[in-house]
Amino acid sequence: MSLLRAAATVSSFTLLSRVTGLVRDIIIARAFGAGALTDAFWVAFRIPNLLRRLFAEGAFSQAFVPILGEVRTRHEDEAVRVLLDRVALTLFAVLCLVTLVGVIGAPWVVWVMATGMTEPGRGTEFTEAVWMTRVMFPYIICMSLVAFASGVLNTWRKFAVPAFTPVLLNLSMIGAALLLGSRLAQPIHALAIGVMAGGIAQLAVQWIALSRLGLRPRLSWRIGQALADPLVRRIMRQMLPATLGVSVAQISLLINTNIATWLAPGSVTWLSFADRLMEFPTALLGVALGTVLLPSLARANAERSGAEYSGLLDWGLRLVLLLGLPAALTMVMLSDALVATLFHYGRFSAVDVAQTRLAVMAYSAGLIGLLSIKILAPGFYARQNIRTPVKIAVVVLIATQLLNLVLVPWLAHAGLALAIGLGACLNALALLVGLRRAGAYRPLPGWTPFIARLLVAIVVMAVPLWFAETRIDWIGLQVSAWLRVLALAGVLAGAGVAYLAALWVMGLRFKQFRRPPQVVPEQNTVGNSGT
């Protein structure tokens, strides 16, 4: 499977995931609005999500996938099976312990995440957040094992199942909101129950996929033997700096969530819905490319093919700009249309639309940075160099919080979003400079005319977007919901056609990006940079 085809496969299923995620959030907005109890759910849901990214999708994947690829390339099948058995056992044991501590200490965890909820008169909010945190904490066990299975499946170039399974979480939450909400004394509890059901469903599907490949781990009680395995220890050593690196981003998210709980009620929800919109381009492009690039970069590193390594990064960055720039422009110029069309129903008011719109526009400032990180960070991870991204992340964390000091008093919750976006741009720039200095990335010829064509096409695309945003009353169209949906679809289609037509007139063809540039085998300069 070519990399572009693999990325398209991941993007297709990720699009389905994001569409069902939007449906999920539309139902939540309609049923619960943007109030105190909805904020309590998002705070509670953010805690297991934070730990999932910390232990599973982030640090674990970054440490596990390159080493798994190396063992698969250089050792026999039995060595691979033993590694899978021992890594799965270690991961499961550690996360069970973390979950037990989290369930017991849920009140303290919520207090750290959302000190604003401890204010007088907000006791119900805090109590509900604690209850939902306890219900959802075991989600981290499911998702850590899902991350393990995804790493294995992606290494074997089976990208479809890992890309599809997030749909199951959204469907579970939708079903819980529709079927359980009206039957519970506290309707918001249905969402927490749906999260757990979704986690179990995702794990079941991925475990079945591993079984079909003959790669399902054989769990045992030999935890001591697993911990003594040199490869397991190596993964754990790699995870330490990776965990620190991922934790920096999560600490920033924790701080921002905490700050948001001190702002106007609904701020956490406005940011959550804006983040949902930003997940469309970041997941469809950034996550998809990062997912398929990491195993290929790890293989190029193991084969000491420096030219192929650099070519993969160059290909990824050009695709980021080709598709990321129009996405960022659309988020800025059609923010009102997007938020109103998707969420302006039921208890989600016009005020909520306006506040969420501000957050969307602020996030958009960092979209190219967020996408680029998904390409550039694997450039370090595949070389088993995790410390450099960690150092960069620490600096970015400090810079982001300094930006918060300036932006939040001025822009409230939108200031939090803007600080994250600007921090992402700083992070991407530092990663790019680091790869250039290490000699891992050498830009291929043709960047100047490529960027010039993109800028012209962006200007052409801006014309229909500006016309639609200034001539259509998106809030007033609430009375004609389907007309609003059709209007938005027409505007997006028209802007997309204008962009593609402009690129075509200037001689740019998508077939030029079908695969990374071919390299000469003799150009092999990349080595393992270490950690």
Protein backbone atom coordinates (compact mmCIF):
# COMPACT_ATOMS: atom_id res chain seq x y z
CA MET A 1 0.00 0.00 0.00
CA SER A 2 1.48 3.40 -1.04
CA LEU A 3 1.86 6.01 1.65
CA LEU A 4 -0.68 8.36 0.06
CA ARG A 5 -3.18 5.52 -0.29
CA ALA A 6 -2.54 4.51 3.32
CA ALA A 7 -2.96 8.13 4.42
CA ALA A 8 -6.19 8.33 2.40
CA THR A 9 -7.44 5.16 4.12
CA VAL A 10 -6.68 6.60 7.54
CA SER A 11 -8.20 9.94 6.56
CA SER A 12 -11.40 8.31 5.28
CA PHE A 13 -12.04 6.44 8.50
CA THR A 14 -10.90 9.44 10.52
CA LEU A 15 -13.41 11.56 8.60
CA LEU A 16 -16.11 9.08 9.60
CA SER A 17 -14.89 9.35 13.18
CA ARG A 18 -14.96 13.13 13.12
CA VAL A 19 -18.40 13.22 11.47
CA THR A 20 -19.83 10.92 14.14
CA GLY A 21 -17.98 13.01 16.72
CA LEU A 22 -19.69 16.12 15.42
CA VAL A 23 -23.06 14.35 15.53
CA ARG A 24 -22.23 13.39 19.11
CA ASP A 25 -21.42 16.98 20.05
CA ILE A 26 -24.49 18.31 18.25
CA ILE A 27 -26.66 15.97 20.31
CA ILE A 28 -24.84 17.00 23.51
CA ALA A 29 -25.26 20.69 22.65
CA ARG A 30 -28.94 20.24 21.87
CA ALA A 31 -29.71 18.11 24.93
CA PHE A 32 -27.51 19.76 27.57
CA GLY A 33 -26.48 23.17 26.16
CA ALA A 34 -23.33 24.89 27.42
CA GLY A 35 -23.79 25.10 31.18
CA ALA A 36 -22.29 24.07 34.48
CA LEU A 37 -23.11 20.34 34.29
CA THR A 38 -21.89 20.09 30.70
CA ASP A 39 -18.65 21.73 31.83
CA ALA A 40 -18.45 19.12 34.62
CA PHE A 41 -18.67 16.31 32.06
CA TRP A 42 -15.97 17.79 29.82
CA VAL A 43 -13.69 18.24 32.83
CA ALA A 44 -14.28 14.64 33.94
CA PHE A 45 -13.81 13.33 30.39
CA ARG A 46 -10.61 15.32 29.97
CA ILE A 47 -8.94 13.52 32.89
CA PRO A 48 -8.91 9.98 31.43
CA ASN A 49 -8.25 11.51 28.01
CA LEU A 50 -5.23 13.29 29.43
CA LEU A 51 -3.85 10.08 30.91
CA ARG A 52 -4.66 8.16 27.72
CA ARG A 53 -2.55 10.57 25.71
CA LEU A 54 0.12 10.58 28.40
CA PHE A 55 0.55 6.81 28.81
CA ALA A 56 -0.89 5.37 25.63
CA GLU A 57 -1.21 7.20 22.35
CA GLY A 58 1.60 9.63 23.06
CA ALA A 59 4.55 8.34 25.04
CA PHE A 60 3.90 4.65 24.52
CA SER A 61 3.44 4.83 20.74
CA GLN A 62 6.49 7.03 20.31
CA ALA A 63 8.66 4.59 22.22
CA PHE A 64 7.06 1.31 21.12
CA VAL A 65 6.55 1.62 17.35
CA PRO A 66 10.19 2.34 16.34
CA ILE A 67 11.54 -0.48 18.55
CA LEU A 68 8.87 -2.90 17.34
CA GLY A 69 9.76 -2.03 13.74
CA GLU A 70 13.43 -2.60 14.49
CA VAL A 71 12.78 -6.00 16.10
CA ARG A 72 10.54 -7.03 13.22
CA THR A 73 13.24 -6.05 10.69
CA ARG A 74 16.21 -7.64 12.44
CA HIS A 75 14.87 -10.62 14.42
CA GLU A 76 12.78 -13.77 14.00
CA ASP A 77 9.00 -13.93 14.42
CA GLU A 78 9.23 -15.57 17.85
CA ALA A 79 11.23 -12.64 19.20
CA VAL A 80 8.44 -10.34 18.01
CA ARG A 81 5.79 -12.49 19.72
CA VAL A 82 7.70 -12.51 23.01
CA LEU A 83 8.09 -8.73 22.85
CA LEU A 84 4.37 -8.25 22.25
CA ASP A 85 3.46 -10.55 25.15
CA ARG A 86 5.72 -8.82 27.62
CA VAL A 87 4.95 -5.24 26.58
CA ALA A 88 1.18 -5.86 26.77
CA LEU A 89 1.48 -7.44 30.21
CA THR A 90 3.59 -4.57 31.54
CA LEU A 91 1.27 -1.93 30.10
CA PHE A 92 -1.82 -3.64 31.52
CA ALA A 93 -0.35 -4.02 35.02
CA VAL A 94 0.85 -0.42 35.25
CA LEU A 95 -2.43 1.04 34.02
CA CYS A 96 -4.49 -1.07 36.43
CA LEU A 97 -2.50 0.46 39.28
CA VAL A 98 -2.91 3.99 37.88
CA THR A 99 -6.67 3.44 37.49
CA LEU A 100 -7.05 2.23 41.07
CA VAL A 101 -5.25 5.30 42.39
CA GLY A 102 -7.35 7.55 40.14
CA VAL A 103 -10.69 6.11 41.24
CA ILE A 104 -9.78 6.46 44.92
CA GLY A 105 -8.33 9.95 44.52
CA ALA A 106 -10.97 11.31 42.12
CA PRO A 107 -11.93 14.31 44.32
CA TRP A 108 -8.33 15.47 44.49
CA VAL A 109 -7.85 14.89 40.74
CA VAL A 110 -10.91 17.02 39.90
CA TRP A 111 -9.75 19.72 42.29
CA VAL A 112 -6.39 19.91 40.47
CA MET A 113 -8.12 20.01 37.07
CA ALA A 114 -10.86 22.51 37.92
CA THR A 115 -10.27 24.59 41.04
CA GLY A 116 -12.96 27.00 39.88
CA MET A 117 -15.56 24.33 40.62
CA THR A 118 -14.72 24.48 44.32
CA GLU A 119 -16.10 28.00 44.61
CA PRO A 120 -19.18 28.51 46.85
CA GLY A 121 -22.40 27.67 45.06
CA ARG A 122 -20.75 25.21 42.65
CA GLY A 123 -20.82 22.11 44.86
CA THR A 124 -23.16 20.17 42.56
CA GLU A 125 -20.84 20.81 39.63
CA PHE A 126 -17.85 19.48 41.58
CA THR A 127 -19.73 16.44 42.90
CA GLU A 128 -20.93 15.44 39.45
CA ALA A 129 -17.44 15.85 38.00
CA VAL A 130 -16.05 13.51 40.70
CA TRP A 131 -18.74 10.88 40.06
CA MET A 132 -18.17 10.91 36.30
CA THR A 133 -14.39 10.83 36.76
CA ARG A 134 -14.68 7.62 38.78
CA VAL A 135 -16.95 6.03 36.19
CA MET A 136 -14.65 6.92 33.28
CA PHE A 137 -11.23 6.33 34.83
CA PRO A 138 -11.02 2.66 33.72
CA TYR A 139 -11.31 4.02 30.17
CA ILE A 140 -7.56 4.54 30.30
CA ILE A 141 -6.96 0.75 30.55
CA CYS A 142 -9.05 0.11 27.45
CA MET A 143 -7.44 2.89 25.46
CA SER A 144 -3.88 2.00 26.46
CA LEU A 145 -4.37 -1.52 25.14
CA VAL A 146 -6.04 -0.02 22.07
CA ALA A 147 -2.92 2.11 21.53
CA PHE A 148 -0.79 -1.03 21.87
CA ALA A 149 -2.92 -2.84 19.27
CA SER A 150 -2.87 0.19 16.96
CA GLY A 151 0.92 0.35 17.11
CA VAL A 152 1.16 -3.31 16.10
CA LEU A 153 -1.44 -3.03 13.33
CA ASN A 154 0.12 0.14 11.90
CA THR A 155 3.56 -1.50 11.91
CA TRP A 156 2.06 -4.35 9.87
CA ARG A 157 0.53 -1.63 7.63
CA LYS A 158 -3.03 -2.49 8.66
CA PHE A 159 -4.24 1.09 9.08
CA ALA A 160 -7.99 0.74 8.59
CA VAL A 161 -9.05 -0.87 11.89
CA PRO A 162 -7.17 1.57 14.19
CA ALA A 163 -8.55 4.49 12.17
CA PHE A 164 -12.12 3.15 12.38
CA THR A 165 -12.42 2.23 16.05
CA PRO A 166 -12.86 5.82 17.41
CA VAL A 167 -16.23 5.76 15.62
CA LEU A 168 -17.36 3.22 18.21
CA LEU A 169 -16.79 5.67 21.06
CA ASN A 170 -18.91 8.32 19.34
CA LEU A 171 -21.70 5.86 18.56
CA SER A 172 -21.70 4.64 22.17
CA MET A 173 -21.98 8.20 23.51
CA ILE A 174 -24.73 9.04 21.00
CA GLY A 175 -26.67 5.94 21.98
CA ALA A 176 -26.23 6.63 25.68
CA ALA A 177 -27.37 10.26 25.32
CA LEU A 178 -30.46 9.31 23.34
CA LEU A 179 -31.45 6.12 25.17
CA LEU A 180 -30.24 6.61 28.74
CA GLY A 181 -30.35 10.37 29.32
CA SER A 182 -34.07 10.59 29.96
CA ARG A 183 -34.04 7.49 32.20
CA LEU A 184 -31.41 8.62 34.71
CA ALA A 185 -31.94 10.88 37.72
CA GLN A 186 -29.00 12.95 36.46
CA PRO A 187 -29.14 12.82 32.63
CA ILE A 188 -25.51 13.96 32.14
CA HIS A 189 -24.38 10.63 33.71
CA ALA A 190 -25.43 8.89 30.48
CA LEU A 191 -22.43 10.41 28.71
CA ALA A 192 -19.98 8.92 31.22
CA ILE A 193 -21.57 5.49 30.83
CA GLY A 194 -21.35 5.86 27.05
CA VAL A 195 -17.62 6.62 27.26
CA MET A 196 -16.92 3.38 29.10
CA ALA A 197 -19.05 1.34 26.70
CA GLY A 198 -17.15 2.91 23.79
CA GLY A 199 -13.77 2.08 25.31
CA ILE A 200 -14.69 -1.59 25.73
CA ALA A 201 -16.03 -1.76 22.16
CA GLN A 202 -12.83 -0.27 20.71
CA LEU A 203 -10.65 -2.72 22.61
CA ALA A 204 -12.74 -5.70 21.50
CA VAL A 205 -12.51 -4.78 17.80
CA GLN A 206 -8.75 -4.21 17.86
CA TRP A 207 -8.09 -7.40 19.83
CA ILE A 208 -10.03 -9.36 17.20
CA ALA A 209 -7.89 -7.74 14.47
CA LEU A 210 -4.70 -8.79 16.29
CA SER A 211 -6.04 -12.33 16.63
CA ARG A 212 -6.63 -12.57 12.89
CA LEU A 213 -2.98 -11.67 12.28
CA GLY A 214 -1.84 -14.18 14.89
CA LEU A 215 -0.40 -11.34 16.97
CA ARG A 216 -2.74 -11.24 19.97
CA PRO A 217 -0.61 -11.06 23.14
CA ARG A 218 -0.60 -14.06 25.43
CA LEU A 219 -1.14 -12.44 28.82
CA SER A 220 0.24 -14.20 31.89
CA TRP A 221 1.14 -13.45 35.51
CA ARG A 222 4.89 -13.29 34.81
CA ILE A 223 5.22 -9.57 35.37
CA GLY A 224 8.71 -9.93 36.85
CA GLN A 225 9.95 -11.69 33.73
CA ALA A 226 8.37 -9.04 31.54
CA LEU A 227 9.97 -6.20 33.49
CA ALA A 228 13.37 -7.90 33.26
CA ASP A 229 13.24 -8.14 29.46
CA PRO A 230 15.93 -5.86 27.93
CA LEU A 231 13.63 -4.68 25.14
CA VAL A 232 10.82 -3.88 27.57
CA ARG A 233 13.30 -1.94 29.70
CA ARG A 234 14.48 -0.12 26.60
CA ILE A 235 10.91 0.88 25.73
CA MET A 236 10.39 2.05 29.30
CA ARG A 237 13.58 4.12 29.15
CA GLN A 238 12.35 5.65 25.90
CA MET A 239 8.96 6.30 27.47
CA LEU A 240 10.39 8.36 30.30
CA PRO A 241 11.45 11.33 28.15
CA ALA A 242 8.48 10.70 25.84
CA THR A 243 6.12 10.83 28.82
CA LEU A 244 7.70 14.07 29.90
CA GLY A 245 7.29 15.46 26.39
CA VAL A 246 3.64 14.45 26.14
CA SER A 247 2.99 15.54 29.71
CA VAL A 248 4.18 19.03 28.87
CA ALA A 249 1.37 19.39 26.34
CA GLN A 250 -1.09 17.82 28.76
CA ILE A 251 0.05 20.07 31.60
CA SER A 252 -0.67 23.02 29.32
CA LEU A 253 -4.15 21.58 28.63
CA LEU A 254 -4.71 21.03 32.36
CA ILE A 255 -3.72 24.60 33.15
CA ASN A 256 -5.97 25.95 30.41
CA THR A 257 -8.92 23.86 31.60
CA ASN A 258 -8.35 25.12 35.12
CA ILE A 259 -8.25 28.72 33.94
CA ALA A 260 -11.43 28.19 31.91
CA THR A 261 -13.32 27.03 35.00
CA TRP A 262 -12.71 30.49 36.49
CA LEU A 263 -14.17 32.22 33.44
CA ALA A 264 -17.85 32.54 32.47
CA PRO A 265 -19.95 29.35 32.82
CA GLY A 266 -19.84 27.49 29.52
CA SER A 267 -16.21 28.42 28.74
CA VAL A 268 -15.00 24.82 28.97
CA THR A 269 -17.79 23.72 26.62
CA TRP A 270 -17.13 26.52 24.12
CA LEU A 271 -13.47 25.52 23.98
CA SER A 272 -14.37 21.83 23.69
CA PHE A 273 -16.68 22.41 20.73
CA ALA A 274 -14.14 24.69 19.03
CA ASP A 275 -11.50 22.02 19.57
CA ARG A 276 -13.86 19.50 17.95
CA LEU A 277 -13.94 21.60 14.78
CA MET A 278 -10.14 21.89 14.80
CA GLU A 279 -9.86 18.13 15.07
CA PHE A 280 -11.23 17.76 11.56
CA PRO A 281 -8.16 19.07 9.72
CA THR A 282 -5.66 17.97 12.37
CA ALA A 283 -6.96 14.40 12.33
CA LEU A 284 -7.77 14.08 8.65
CA LEU A 285 -4.37 15.33 7.58
CA GLY A 286 -1.94 15.61 10.49
CA VAL A 287 -2.79 12.43 12.36
CA ALA A 288 -3.23 10.43 9.15
CA LEU A 289 0.15 11.46 7.76
CA GLY A 290 1.87 11.05 11.11
CA THR A 291 0.39 7.56 11.51
CA VAL A 292 1.64 6.29 8.16
CA LEU A 293 4.95 8.18 8.25
CA LEU A 294 6.26 6.91 11.60
CA PRO A 295 6.66 3.24 10.56
CA SER A 296 8.15 4.28 7.20
CA LEU A 297 10.56 6.70 8.86
CA ALA A 298 11.54 4.03 11.39
CA ARG A 299 12.26 1.61 8.53
CA ALA A 300 14.32 4.22 6.65
CA ASN A 301 16.28 4.89 9.82
CA ALA A 302 16.90 1.17 10.41
CA GLU A 303 18.12 0.83 6.80
CA ARG A 304 20.31 3.94 7.15
CA SER A 305 18.59 5.57 4.14
CA GLY A 306 19.04 9.28 4.78
CA ALA A 307 17.70 10.49 1.43
CA GLU A 308 14.50 8.47 1.78
CA TYR A 309 14.11 9.75 5.34
CA SER A 310 14.41 13.37 4.25
CA GLY A 311 12.16 12.83 1.24
CA LEU A 312 9.38 11.44 3.44
CA LEU A 313 9.49 14.53 5.65
CA ASP A 314 9.53 16.87 2.64
CA TRP A 315 6.52 15.09 1.11
CA GLY A 316 4.60 15.33 4.39
CA LEU A 317 5.30 19.04 4.87
CA ARG A 318 4.18 19.92 1.34
CA LEU A 319 0.92 18.06 1.85
CA VAL A 320 0.43 19.93 5.15
CA LEU A 321 0.61 23.28 3.37
CA LEU A 322 -1.35 22.12 0.31
CA LEU A 323 -4.34 21.04 2.41
CA GLY A 324 -3.75 22.89 5.68
CA LEU A 325 -3.74 26.45 4.35
CA PRO A 326 -7.25 26.25 2.80
CA ALA A 327 -8.51 24.56 5.97
CA ALA A 328 -7.13 27.38 8.15
CA LEU A 329 -8.62 30.02 5.87
CA THR A 330 -12.02 28.33 5.99
CA MET A 331 -11.92 28.12 9.79
CA VAL A 332 -11.24 31.84 10.04
CA MET A 333 -13.61 33.16 7.38
CA LEU A 334 -16.51 30.72 7.92
CA SER A 335 -16.28 30.28 11.68
CA ASP A 336 -19.75 31.75 12.26
CA ALA A 337 -21.26 29.53 9.57
CA LEU A 338 -19.57 26.38 10.82
CA VAL A 339 -20.50 26.83 14.48
CA ALA A 340 -24.06 27.94 13.80
CA THR A 341 -24.78 25.15 11.32
CA LEU A 342 -23.36 22.44 13.55
CA PHE A 343 -24.39 23.47 17.06
CA HIS A 344 -27.09 26.20 16.99
CA TYR A 345 -30.00 23.98 18.04
CA GLY A 346 -32.02 23.33 21.19
CA ARG A 347 -30.35 24.75 24.28
CA PHE A 348 -27.25 25.97 22.40
CA SER A 349 -28.01 29.69 22.02
CA ALA A 350 -26.80 32.43 19.68
CA VAL A 351 -24.56 33.67 22.50
CA ASP A 352 -22.95 30.24 22.67
CA VAL A 353 -22.40 30.38 18.90
CA ALA A 354 -20.66 33.74 19.17
CA GLN A 355 -18.39 32.58 22.01
CA THR A 356 -17.50 29.28 20.30
CA ARG A 357 -16.82 31.17 17.05
CA LEU A 358 -14.20 33.30 18.80
CA ALA A 359 -12.42 30.17 20.04
CA VAL A 360 -12.48 28.62 16.54
CA MET A 361 -10.90 31.71 14.99
CA ALA A 362 -8.24 31.78 17.71
CA TYR A 363 -7.39 28.10 17.29
CA SER A 364 -7.10 28.60 13.51
CA ALA A 365 -4.04 30.78 13.97
CA GLY A 366 -2.09 27.69 14.97
CA LEU A 367 -3.53 25.12 12.55
CA ILE A 368 -0.47 24.90 10.30
CA GLY A 369 1.71 24.58 13.40
CA LEU A 370 -0.46 21.81 14.83
CA LEU A 371 -0.39 19.93 11.51
CA SER A 372 3.36 20.37 11.06
CA ILE A 373 4.07 18.94 14.51
CA LYS A 374 2.36 15.70 13.41
CA ILE A 375 4.96 15.44 10.61
CA LEU A 376 8.06 16.82 12.31
CA ALA A 377 7.82 15.08 15.69
CA PRO A 378 7.87 11.57 14.12
CA GLY A 379 11.06 12.74 12.41
CA PHE A 380 12.66 12.63 15.86
CA TYR A 381 10.78 9.63 17.26
CA ALA A 382 11.70 7.37 14.34
CA ARG A 383 15.37 8.08 15.08
CA GLN A 384 14.66 7.22 18.73
CA ASN A 385 15.51 10.77 19.70
CA ILE A 386 12.80 11.81 22.12
CA ARG A 387 14.74 14.20 24.32
CA THR A 388 14.93 16.99 21.74
CA PRO A 389 11.13 17.26 21.29
CA VAL A 390 10.82 17.17 25.09
CA LYS A 391 13.16 20.12 25.53
CA ILE A 392 11.27 22.03 22.88
CA ALA A 393 7.93 21.17 24.49
CA VAL A 394 9.10 22.51 27.88
CA VAL A 395 10.08 25.84 26.31
CA VAL A 396 6.75 25.99 24.45
CA LEU A 397 4.84 25.29 27.68
CA ILE A 398 6.48 28.25 29.36
CA ALA A 399 5.87 30.46 26.32
CA THR A 400 2.20 29.40 26.12
CA GLN A 401 1.55 30.27 29.75
CA LEU A 402 3.26 33.64 29.33
CA LEU A 403 0.94 34.25 26.37
CA ASN A 404 -2.01 33.31 28.61
CA LEU A 405 -1.02 36.06 31.03
CA VAL A 406 -1.38 38.59 28.22
CA LEU A 407 -4.23 37.13 26.15
CA VAL A 408 -6.73 35.74 28.69
CA PRO A 409 -7.45 39.09 30.43
CA TRP A 410 -8.02 40.56 26.96
CA LEU A 411 -9.81 37.73 25.09
CA ALA A 412 -11.06 35.44 27.92
CA HIS A 413 -11.50 31.84 26.69
CA ALA A 414 -10.46 32.81 23.14
CA GLY A 415 -7.15 33.93 24.61
CA LEU A 416 -6.55 30.38 25.82
CA ALA A 417 -7.17 29.06 22.31
CA LEU A 418 -4.93 31.67 20.70
CA ALA A 419 -2.09 30.93 23.13
CA ILE A 420 -2.30 27.22 22.21
CA GLY A 421 -2.22 28.04 18.51
CA LEU A 422 0.76 30.37 18.74
CA GLY A 423 2.56 27.87 20.95
CA ALA A 424 2.00 25.15 18.32
CA CYS A 425 3.61 27.37 15.66
CA LEU A 426 6.61 27.96 17.91
CA ASN A 427 6.86 24.21 18.57
CA ALA A 428 6.76 23.34 14.86
CA LEU A 429 9.38 25.94 14.01
CA ALA A 430 11.75 24.64 16.68
CA LEU A 431 11.27 21.03 15.51
CA LEU A 432 11.99 22.04 11.92
CA VAL A 433 15.17 23.86 12.91
CA GLY A 434 16.26 20.86 14.97
CA LEU A 435 15.81 18.42 12.08
CA ARG A 436 17.67 20.73 9.73
CA ARG A 437 20.59 21.12 12.11
CA ALA A 438 20.76 17.35 12.63
CA GLY A 439 20.91 16.83 8.86
CA ALA A 440 17.83 14.60 8.96
CA TYR A 441 15.81 16.92 6.74
CA ARG A 442 17.09 18.62 3.62
CA PRO A 443 14.37 20.47 1.66
CA LEU A 444 14.04 19.33 -1.94
CA PRO A 445 14.08 21.88 -4.79
CA GLY A 446 10.93 23.69 -5.82
CA TRP A 447 9.65 25.12 -2.53
CA THR A 448 9.54 28.78 -3.66
CA PRO A 449 7.30 28.28 -6.72
CA PHE A 450 5.20 25.79 -4.75
CA ILE A 451 4.45 28.32 -1.99
CA ALA A 452 3.84 31.10 -4.53
CA ARG A 453 1.17 28.99 -6.26
CA LEU A 454 -0.47 28.18 -2.94
CA LEU A 455 -0.70 31.84 -1.95
CA VAL A 456 -2.35 32.80 -5.24
CA ALA A 457 -4.85 29.93 -4.89
CA ILE A 458 -5.63 30.96 -1.31
CA VAL A 459 -6.46 34.51 -2.43
CA VAL A 460 -8.79 33.12 -5.11
CA MET A 461 -10.48 30.87 -2.54
CA ALA A 462 -11.00 33.74 -0.11
CA VAL A 463 -13.39 35.54 -2.48
CA PRO A 464 -16.39 33.15 -2.19
CA LEU A 465 -15.73 32.68 1.53
CA TRP A 466 -15.84 36.45 2.14
CA PHE A 467 -19.00 36.81 0.07
CA ALA A 468 -20.78 34.04 2.02
CA GLU A 469 -19.75 35.28 5.46
CA THR A 470 -20.84 38.86 4.78
CA ARG A 471 -24.08 38.16 2.86
CA ILE A 472 -25.65 35.22 4.70
CA ASP A 473 -27.30 35.47 8.15
CA TRP A 474 -26.23 32.12 9.57
CA ILE A 475 -27.91 32.69 12.94
CA GLY A 476 -31.19 33.76 11.33
CA LEU A 477 -31.24 30.56 9.28
CA GLN A 478 -31.89 28.53 12.44
CA VAL A 479 -35.56 28.42 11.42
CA SER A 480 -34.53 26.65 8.20
CA ALA A 481 -31.94 24.17 9.42
CA TRP A 482 -31.67 22.19 6.19
CA LEU A 483 -31.37 25.37 4.13
CA ARG A 484 -28.48 26.42 6.37
CA VAL A 485 -26.79 23.04 5.90
CA LEU A 486 -27.21 23.22 2.13
CA ALA A 487 -25.92 26.79 2.06
CA LEU A 488 -22.80 25.83 4.01
CA ALA A 489 -22.20 22.79 1.80
CA GLY A 490 -22.55 24.94 -1.31
CA VAL A 491 -20.13 27.56 -0.01
CA LEU A 492 -17.54 24.94 0.95
CA ALA A 493 -17.88 23.22 -2.41
CA GLY A 494 -17.55 26.51 -4.30
CA ALA A 495 -14.50 27.60 -2.32
CA GLY A 496 -12.91 24.18 -2.80
CA VAL A 497 -13.49 24.26 -6.55
CA ALA A 498 -12.01 27.78 -6.74
CA TYR A 499 -8.89 26.64 -4.85
CA LEU A 500 -8.35 23.51 -6.94
CA ALA A 501 -9.03 25.35 -10.20
CA ALA A 502 -6.48 28.01 -9.33
CA LEU A 503 -3.87 25.34 -8.57
CA TRP A 504 -4.68 23.52 -11.81
CA VAL A 505 -4.34 26.68 -13.90
CA MET A 506 -0.91 27.25 -12.36
CA GLY A 507 0.20 23.73 -13.27
CA LEU A 508 -0.03 22.01 -9.87
CA ARG A 509 -1.43 18.47 -10.01
CA PHE A 510 -2.35 16.25 -7.07
CA LYS A 511 -0.78 13.27 -8.78
CA GLN A 512 2.54 14.92 -8.04
CA PHE A 513 1.89 14.13 -4.34
CA ARG A 514 0.74 10.55 -4.83
CA ARG A 515 3.91 9.19 -3.28
CA PRO A 516 7.09 10.56 -1.65
CA PRO A 517 9.89 11.45 -4.06
CA GLN A 518 12.01 8.54 -5.26
CA VAL A 519 15.53 8.51 -3.87
CA VAL A 520 18.85 7.13 -5.01
CA PRO A 521 19.83 4.12 -2.85
CA GLU A 522 23.42 5.32 -2.41
CA GLN A 523 22.30 8.45 -0.54
CA ASN A 524 22.30 6.97 2.94
CA THR A 525 23.46 9.22 5.69
CA VAL A 526 20.91 8.96 8.49
CA GLY A 527 21.91 7.05 11.56
CA ASN A 528 20.39 6.52 14.96
CA SER A 529 20.79 9.77 16.80
CA GLY A 530 20.18 8.18 20.15
CA THR A 531 18.24 9.69 22.98
